[in-house]
C-alpha atoms as a PDB file:
ATOM      1  CA  UNK A   1     -17.500-144.020-161.677  1.00  0.00           C
ATOM      2  CA  UNK A   2     -19.330-142.822-158.495  1.00  0.00           C
ATOM      3  CA  UNK A   3     -22.329-145.007-159.323  1.00  0.00           C
ATOM      4  CA  UNK A   4     -20.011-147.983-159.658  1.00  0.00           C
ATOM      5  CA  UNK A   5     -18.644-147.253-156.174  1.00  0.00           C
ATOM      6  CA  UNK A   6     -22.169-147.411-154.708  1.00  0.00           C
ATOM      7  CA  UNK A   7     -22.944-150.632-156.573  1.00  0.00           C
ATOM      8  CA  UNK A   8     -19.664-152.212-155.413  1.00  0.00           C
ATOM      9  CA  UNK A   9     -20.451-151.211-151.810  1.00  0.00           C
ATOM     10  CA  UNK A  10     -23.849-152.931-151.994  1.00  0.00           C
ATOM     11  CA  UNK A  11     -22.334-155.908-153.823  1.00  0.00           C
ATOM     12  CA  UNK A  12     -19.757-156.326-151.018  1.00  0.00           C
ATOM     13  CA  UNK A  13     -22.598-156.586-148.526  1.00  0.00           C
ATOM     14  CA  UNK A  14     -24.505-159.114-150.605  1.00  0.00           C
ATOM     15  CA  UNK A  15     -24.241-160.372-154.174  1.00  0.00           C
ATOM     16  CA  UNK A  16     -26.364-158.248-156.536  1.00  0.00           C
ATOM     17  CA  UNK A  17     -28.007-159.501-159.692  1.00  0.00           C
ATOM     18  CA  UNK A  18     -27.010-157.873-162.965  1.00  0.00           C
ATOM     19  CA  UNK A  19     -30.570-156.559-163.304  1.00  0.00           C
ATOM     20  CA  UNK A  20     -30.390-154.789-159.930  1.00  0.00           C
ATOM     21  CA  UNK A  21     -27.042-153.289-160.882  1.00  0.00           C
ATOM     22  CA  UNK A  22     -28.648-151.914-164.056  1.00  0.00           C
ATOM     23  CA  UNK A  23     -31.575-150.470-162.101  1.00  0.00           C
ATOM     24  CA  UNK A  24     -29.225-148.803-159.628  1.00  0.00           C
ATOM     25  CA  UNK A  25     -27.111-147.426-162.477  1.00  0.00           C
ATOM     26  CA  UNK A  26     -30.240-145.900-164.039  1.00  0.00           C
ATOM     27  CA  UNK A  27     -31.766-144.482-160.838  1.00  0.00           C
ATOM     28  CA  UNK A  28     -28.838-143.123-158.829  1.00  0.00           C
ATOM     29  CA  UNK A  29     -28.320-139.373-159.215  1.00  0.00           C
ATOM     30  CA  UNK A  30     -25.197-137.366-158.474  1.00  0.00           C
ATOM     31  CA  UNK A  31     -25.448-134.384-156.146  1.00  0.00           C
ATOM     32  CA  UNK A  32     -22.749-132.025-154.899  1.00  0.00           C
ATOM     33  CA  UNK A  33     -22.849-129.907-151.787  1.00  0.00           C
ATOM     34  CA  UNK A  34     -20.324-127.270-150.791  1.00  0.00           C
ATOM     35  CA  UNK A  35     -18.730-126.959-147.365  1.00  0.00           C
ATOM     36  CA  UNK A  36     -21.159-125.203-145.027  1.00  0.00           C
ATOM     37  CA  UNK A  37     -24.266-125.964-147.093  1.00  0.00           C
ATOM     38  CA  UNK A  38     -27.262-127.821-145.711  1.00  0.00           C
ATOM     39  CA  UNK A  39     -28.319-131.110-147.284  1.00  0.00           C
ATOM     40  CA  UNK A  40     -31.657-131.171-145.452  1.00  0.00           C
ATOM     41  CA  UNK A  41     -33.174-129.599-142.356  1.00  0.00           C
ATOM     42  CA  UNK A  42     -34.723-130.955-139.209  1.00  0.00           C
ATOM     43  CA  UNK A  43     -38.520-131.188-139.556  1.00  0.00           C
ATOM     44  CA  UNK A  44     -38.419-131.552-143.360  1.00  0.00           C
ATOM     45  CA  UNK A  45     -39.722-134.775-144.857  1.00  0.00           C
ATOM     46  CA  UNK A  46     -37.133-136.756-146.737  1.00  0.00           C
ATOM     47  CA  UNK A  47     -37.746-138.228-150.138  1.00  0.00           C
ATOM     48  CA  UNK A  48     -34.205-139.492-150.761  1.00  0.00           C
ATOM     49  CA  UNK A  49     -31.490-141.615-149.270  1.00  0.00           C
ATOM     50  CA  UNK A  50     -27.845-140.676-149.811  1.00  0.00           C
ATOM     51  CA  UNK A  51     -24.450-142.293-150.281  1.00  0.00           C
ATOM     52  CA  UNK A  52     -21.356-140.188-149.691  1.00  0.00           C
ATOM     53  CA  UNK A  53     -18.886-140.603-152.532  1.00  0.00           C
ATOM     54  CA  UNK A  54     -16.529-137.944-151.183  1.00  0.00           C
ATOM     55  CA  UNK A  55     -16.687-135.623-148.190  1.00  0.00           C
ATOM     56  CA  UNK A  56     -17.915-135.339-144.627  1.00  0.00           C
ATOM     57  CA  UNK A  57     -21.389-134.480-143.336  1.00  0.00           C
ATOM     58  CA  UNK A  58     -22.593-133.855-139.798  1.00  0.00           C
ATOM     59  CA  UNK A  59     -26.083-134.421-138.381  1.00  0.00           C
ATOM     60  CA  UNK A  60     -27.213-131.756-135.909  1.00  0.00           C
ATOM     61  CA  UNK A  61     -30.336-131.819-133.759  1.00  0.00           C
ATOM     62  CA  UNK A  62     -31.875-128.657-132.352  1.00  0.00           C
ATOM     63  CA  UNK A  63     -33.547-129.089-128.959  1.00  0.00           C
ATOM     64  CA  UNK A  64     -34.500-126.233-126.658  1.00  0.00           C
ATOM     65  CA  UNK A  65     -32.494-123.740-128.766  1.00  0.00           C
ATOM     66  CA  UNK A  66     -29.322-125.825-128.440  1.00  0.00           C
ATOM     67  CA  UNK A  67     -27.734-127.647-131.374  1.00  0.00           C
ATOM     68  CA  UNK A  68     -26.074-130.998-130.698  1.00  0.00           C
ATOM     69  CA  UNK A  69     -24.030-133.143-133.058  1.00  0.00           C
ATOM     70  CA  UNK A  70     -25.664-136.562-133.185  1.00  0.00           C
ATOM     71  CA  UNK A  71     -23.647-138.180-135.937  1.00  0.00           C
ATOM     72  CA  UNK A  72     -21.062-137.633-138.642  1.00  0.00           C
ATOM     73  CA  UNK A  73     -20.537-139.667-141.776  1.00  0.00           C
ATOM     74  CA  UNK A  74     -17.788-139.726-144.389  1.00  0.00           C
ATOM     75  CA  UNK A  75     -17.132-141.157-147.822  1.00  0.00           C
ATOM     76  CA  UNK A  76     -18.624-144.597-148.450  1.00  0.00           C
ATOM     77  CA  UNK A  77     -21.266-144.087-145.747  1.00  0.00           C
ATOM     78  CA  UNK A  78     -25.019-143.931-146.269  1.00  0.00           C
ATOM     79  CA  UNK A  79     -27.240-141.149-144.936  1.00  0.00           C
ATOM     80  CA  UNK A  80     -30.829-142.065-144.274  1.00  0.00           C
ATOM     81  CA  UNK A  81     -33.160-140.716-141.638  1.00  0.00           C
ATOM     82  CA  UNK A  82     -34.992-144.021-141.432  1.00  0.00           C
ATOM     83  CA  UNK A  83     -38.100-142.711-139.686  1.00  0.00           C
ATOM     84  CA  UNK A  84     -38.497-139.761-142.031  1.00  0.00           C
ATOM     85  CA  UNK A  85     -37.858-141.699-145.219  1.00  0.00           C
ATOM     86  CA  UNK A  86     -39.917-144.814-144.541  1.00  0.00           C
ATOM     87  CA  UNK A  87     -42.741-143.292-142.512  1.00  0.00           C
ATOM     88  CA  UNK A  88     -42.705-139.863-144.190  1.00  0.00           C
ATOM     89  CA  UNK A  89     -42.284-138.095-140.859  1.00  0.00           C
ATOM     90  CA  UNK A  90     -40.219-134.963-140.258  1.00  0.00           C
ATOM     91  CA  UNK A  91     -36.447-135.504-140.225  1.00  0.00           C
ATOM     92  CA  UNK A  92     -34.831-135.511-136.804  1.00  0.00           C
ATOM     93  CA  UNK A  93     -31.616-133.783-137.923  1.00  0.00           C
ATOM     94  CA  UNK A  94     -30.213-130.966-139.976  1.00  0.00           C
ATOM     95  CA  UNK A  95     -27.356-132.246-142.113  1.00  0.00           C
ATOM     96  CA  UNK A  96     -24.494-129.897-142.964  1.00  0.00           C
ATOM     97  CA  UNK A  97     -21.452-130.543-145.147  1.00  0.00           C
ATOM     98  CA  UNK A  98     -18.219-129.843-143.299  1.00  0.00           C
ATOM     99  CA  UNK A  99     -16.245-130.494-146.482  1.00  0.00           C
ATOM    100  CA  UNK A 100     -17.122-130.130-150.149  1.00  0.00           C
ATOM    101  CA  UNK A 101     -18.993-133.357-150.768  1.00  0.00           C
ATOM    102  CA  UNK A 102     -20.222-135.500-153.614  1.00  0.00           C
ATOM    103  CA  UNK A 103     -23.210-137.725-152.985  1.00  0.00           C
ATOM    104  CA  UNK A 104     -25.369-140.178-154.821  1.00  0.00           C
ATOM    105  CA  UNK A 105     -29.067-140.131-154.057  1.00  0.00           C
ATOM    106  CA  UNK A 106     -31.866-142.561-154.604  1.00  0.00           C
ATOM    107  CA  UNK A 107     -35.485-141.461-154.360  1.00  0.00           C
ATOM    108  CA  UNK A 108     -37.877-143.006-151.862  1.00  0.00           C
ATOM    109  CA  UNK A 109     -40.019-144.288-154.740  1.00  0.00           C
ATOM    110  CA  UNK A 110     -37.033-145.932-156.464  1.00  0.00           C
ATOM    111  CA  UNK A 111     -35.823-147.418-153.186  1.00  0.00           C
ATOM    112  CA  UNK A 112     -39.262-148.894-152.499  1.00  0.00           C
ATOM    113  CA  UNK A 113     -39.425-150.350-156.011  1.00  0.00           C
ATOM    114  CA  UNK A 114     -35.946-151.857-155.608  1.00  0.00           C
ATOM    115  CA  UNK A 115     -36.775-153.364-152.206  1.00  0.00           C
ATOM    116  CA  UNK A 116     -40.027-154.801-153.568  1.00  0.00           C
ATOM    117  CA  UNK A 117     -38.513-156.202-156.774  1.00  0.00           C
ATOM    118  CA  UNK A 118     -35.096-157.447-155.650  1.00  0.00           C
ATOM    119  CA  UNK A 119     -34.884-159.635-152.520  1.00  0.00           C
ATOM    120  CA  UNK A 120     -31.117-159.087-152.284  1.00  0.00           C
ATOM    121  CA  UNK A 121     -31.747-155.371-151.726  1.00  0.00           C
ATOM    122  CA  UNK A 122     -33.569-156.241-148.504  1.00  0.00           C
ATOM    123  CA  UNK A 123     -30.549-158.216-147.304  1.00  0.00           C
ATOM    124  CA  UNK A 124     -28.357-155.191-148.026  1.00  0.00           C
ATOM    125  CA  UNK A 125     -30.825-152.940-146.167  1.00  0.00           C
ATOM    126  CA  UNK A 126     -30.848-155.268-143.158  1.00  0.00           C
ATOM    127  CA  UNK A 127     -27.049-155.329-143.012  1.00  0.00           C
ATOM    128  CA  UNK A 128     -26.829-151.540-143.306  1.00  0.00           C
ATOM    129  CA  UNK A 129     -29.444-151.138-140.586  1.00  0.00           C
ATOM    130  CA  UNK A 130     -27.381-153.399-138.305  1.00  0.00           C
ATOM    131  CA  UNK A 131     -24.208-151.433-139.094  1.00  0.00           C
ATOM    132  CA  UNK A 132     -25.778-148.076-138.236  1.00  0.00           C
ATOM    133  CA  UNK A 133     -27.446-149.497-135.137  1.00  0.00           C
ATOM    134  CA  UNK A 134     -23.956-150.496-133.936  1.00  0.00           C
ATOM    135  CA  UNK A 135     -22.724-146.972-134.757  1.00  0.00           C
ATOM    136  CA  UNK A 136     -25.436-145.446-132.569  1.00  0.00           C
ATOM    137  CA  UNK A 137     -24.744-147.948-129.790  1.00  0.00           C
ATOM    138  CA  UNK A 138     -21.092-146.833-129.837  1.00  0.00           C
ATOM    139  CA  UNK A 139     -22.247-143.245-129.322  1.00  0.00           C
ATOM    140  CA  UNK A 140     -24.482-144.254-126.428  1.00  0.00           C
ATOM    141  CA  UNK A 141     -21.620-146.167-124.818  1.00  0.00           C
ATOM    142  CA  UNK A 142     -19.401-143.077-125.210  1.00  0.00           C
ATOM    143  CA  UNK A 143     -21.961-140.903-123.464  1.00  0.00           C
ATOM    144  CA  UNK A 144     -22.098-143.257-120.477  1.00  0.00           C
ATOM    145  CA  UNK A 145     -18.398-142.719-119.740  1.00  0.00           C
ATOM    146  CA  UNK A 146     -18.326-140.187-116.915  1.00  0.00           C
ATOM    147  CA  UNK A 147     -14.723-139.053-117.197  1.00  0.00           C
ATOM    148  CA  UNK A 148     -14.306-136.607-120.114  1.00  0.00           C
ATOM    149  CA  UNK A 149     -10.727-137.665-120.819  1.00  0.00           C
ATOM    150  CA  UNK A 150     -11.704-141.336-121.002  1.00  0.00           C
ATOM    151  CA  UNK A 151     -14.701-140.446-123.192  1.00  0.00           C
ATOM    152  CA  UNK A 152     -12.492-138.576-125.659  1.00  0.00           C
ATOM    153  CA  UNK A 153      -9.868-141.338-125.782  1.00  0.00           C
ATOM    154  CA  UNK A 154     -12.545-143.943-126.460  1.00  0.00           C
ATOM    155  CA  UNK A 155     -13.928-141.668-129.187  1.00  0.00           C
ATOM    156  CA  UNK A 156     -10.443-141.473-130.760  1.00  0.00           C
ATOM    157  CA  UNK A 157     -10.265-145.266-130.590  1.00  0.00           C
ATOM    158  CA  UNK A 158     -13.680-145.738-132.248  1.00  0.00           C
ATOM    159  CA  UNK A 159     -13.268-142.958-134.828  1.00  0.00           C
ATOM    160  CA  UNK A 160      -9.544-142.307-135.403  1.00  0.00           C
ATOM    161  CA  UNK A 161     -10.197-140.724-138.796  1.00  0.00           C
ATOM    162  CA  UNK A 162     -12.578-138.162-137.249  1.00  0.00           C
ATOM    163  CA  UNK A 163     -10.007-136.624-134.900  1.00  0.00           C
ATOM    164  CA  UNK A 164      -8.267-134.777-137.736  1.00  0.00           C
ATOM    165  CA  UNK A 165     -11.308-134.063-139.906  1.00  0.00           C
ATOM    166  CA  UNK A 166     -14.039-132.870-137.554  1.00  0.00           C
ATOM    167  CA  UNK A 167     -14.067-129.427-135.981  1.00  0.00           C
ATOM    168  CA  UNK A 168     -13.237-129.405-132.290  1.00  0.00           C
ATOM    169  CA  UNK A 169     -16.672-127.978-131.494  1.00  0.00           C
ATOM    170  CA  UNK A 170     -18.394-130.807-133.379  1.00  0.00           C
ATOM    171  CA  UNK A 171     -16.388-133.433-131.515  1.00  0.00           C
ATOM    172  CA  UNK A 172     -17.156-131.760-128.182  1.00  0.00           C
ATOM    173  CA  UNK A 173     -20.849-131.590-129.011  1.00  0.00           C
ATOM    174  CA  UNK A 174     -20.902-135.242-130.098  1.00  0.00           C
ATOM    175  CA  UNK A 175     -19.270-136.173-126.777  1.00  0.00           C
ATOM    176  CA  UNK A 176     -21.608-133.914-124.771  1.00  0.00           C
ATOM    177  CA  UNK A 177     -18.823-131.763-123.370  1.00  0.00           C
ATOM    178  CA  UNK A 178     -17.760-128.165-123.797  1.00  0.00           C
ATOM    179  CA  UNK A 179     -15.139-127.155-126.367  1.00  0.00           C
ATOM    180  CA  UNK A 180     -13.035-125.829-123.477  1.00  0.00           C
ATOM    181  CA  UNK A 181     -13.051-129.216-121.761  1.00  0.00           C
ATOM    182  CA  UNK A 182     -12.012-130.865-125.016  1.00  0.00           C
ATOM    183  CA  UNK A 183      -9.192-128.314-125.461  1.00  0.00           C
ATOM    184  CA  UNK A 184      -7.732-129.292-122.099  1.00  0.00           C
ATOM    185  CA  UNK A 185      -7.841-132.980-123.033  1.00  0.00           C
ATOM    186  CA  UNK A 186      -6.283-132.720-126.491  1.00  0.00           C
END
């Protein structure tokens, strides 16, 4: 059933051939991760891309001994450190499960074979890249809002589901404010 969910998600983006559906069915692998566990660490090279069937994961970046939340993704989202996966460079984030999570993963080799063999997979990839580019542009626009209260309210508008699921500290970090400031706003 989880594999079917992934295939349906891709098929919603662009029609998939029956052959591609079979290849995905054969090459997707189920992985579970418990709350608090790390999926991968910053500076590791990635060899997989992930689809979240169930759960919530948060991407942290460590800079100058300070961890910042850069993104968070929930069920039906894809996790891929594009630069690490495609260019085999170190990952830019450490990814931690904030809920027990079930994922599907696809190896770099299988993904490359799929993209090479099935033109529709490239259309899906392009659409997903555009979606996540918009996600990151939303974050940048949030960070340009000077007033903390306005920044939080815009966050709640963009990500209403996240308000009840993310830890206060993760939201504050994502919004580049202290947890105390966020406490006064909420």
